[in-house]
Amino acid sequence: MTVGSQVKQTLATLRGAGATLRLYSEQARQREAKEAFAEGAKVLEEIVKELEDRLMVSEFEEPQYKGS
């Protein structure tokens, strides 16, 4: 498995985790739990964005990562 495909797999996993946290946030009954899940989802969204940006740079600088 190439580095590019590993990064893309990691992104997919993080997106899934973020979706799960958003779902938990909507279903939680306690306000503190809702806020904690929502904050976790927000943090993951920021991480995903940064990783996507880094992947774009890597694909530009290292064309072999593109399309992996």
Protein backbone atom coordinates (compact mmCIF):
# COMPACT_ATOMS: atom_id res chain seq x y z
CA MET A 1 0.00 0.00 0.00
CA THR A 2 1.43 3.35 -1.00
CA VAL A 3 1.71 6.35 1.27
CA GLY A 4 -0.90 8.14 -0.83
CA SER A 5 -3.42 5.34 -0.49
CA GLN A 6 -2.72 5.10 3.26
CA VAL A 7 -3.43 8.81 3.68
CA LYS A 8 -6.65 8.47 1.67
CA GLN A 9 -7.71 5.49 3.75
CA THR A 10 -6.99 7.46 6.91
CA LEU A 11 -9.10 10.34 5.60
CA ALA A 12 -12.01 8.00 4.92
CA THR A 13 -11.73 6.54 8.42
CA LEU A 14 -11.63 10.00 10.01
CA ARG A 15 -14.65 11.13 7.99
CA GLY A 16 -16.54 8.07 9.21
CA ALA A 17 -15.58 8.77 12.80
CA GLY A 18 -16.73 12.38 12.41
CA ALA A 19 -20.08 11.23 11.04
CA THR A 20 -20.48 8.88 13.99
CA LEU A 21 -19.71 11.67 16.45
CA ARG A 22 -22.26 13.96 14.77
CA LEU A 23 -24.86 11.19 15.01
CA TYR A 24 -24.07 10.62 18.68
CA SER A 25 -24.34 14.36 19.26
CA GLU A 26 -27.83 14.40 17.76
CA GLN A 27 -28.95 11.36 19.75
CA ALA A 28 -27.44 12.24 23.13
CA ARG A 29 -29.87 13.27 25.83
CA GLN A 30 -27.53 15.08 28.17
CA ARG A 31 -26.40 18.54 27.13
CA GLU A 32 -22.81 17.86 28.18
CA ALA A 33 -22.68 14.71 26.06
CA LYS A 34 -24.16 16.52 23.06
CA GLU A 35 -21.54 19.26 23.38
CA ALA A 36 -18.68 16.79 23.83
CA PHE A 37 -19.66 14.78 20.74
CA ALA A 38 -20.19 17.96 18.71
CA GLU A 39 -16.78 19.30 19.79
CA GLY A 40 -15.13 16.01 18.88
CA ALA A 41 -16.75 16.13 15.45
CA LYS A 42 -15.56 19.71 14.97
CA VAL A 43 -11.99 18.80 15.90
CA LEU A 44 -12.06 15.85 13.49
CA GLU A 45 -13.37 18.10 10.71
CA GLU A 46 -10.40 20.42 11.26
CA ILE A 47 -7.98 17.50 11.18
CA VAL A 48 -9.58 16.15 7.99
CA LYS A 49 -9.30 19.57 6.35
CA GLU A 50 -5.62 19.87 7.27
CA LEU A 51 -4.90 16.34 6.05
CA GLU A 52 -6.76 16.99 2.78
CA ASP A 53 -4.69 20.14 2.26
CA ARG A 54 -1.50 18.23 2.97
CA LEU A 55 -2.53 15.47 0.56
CA MET A 56 -3.12 18.02 -2.19
CA VAL A 57 0.37 19.44 -1.64
CA SER A 58 1.87 15.95 -1.62
CA GLU A 59 0.09 15.01 -4.84
CA PHE A 60 1.33 18.21 -6.47
CA GLU A 61 4.91 17.76 -5.26
CA GLU A 62 4.98 13.97 -5.68
CA PRO A 63 2.83 13.01 -8.69
CA GLN A 64 3.13 9.29 -7.90
CA TYR A 65 0.74 9.85 -4.96
CA LYS A 66 -1.98 11.09 -7.27
CA GLY A 67 -4.65 8.55 -8.12
CA SER A 68 -3.54 6.08 -5.45
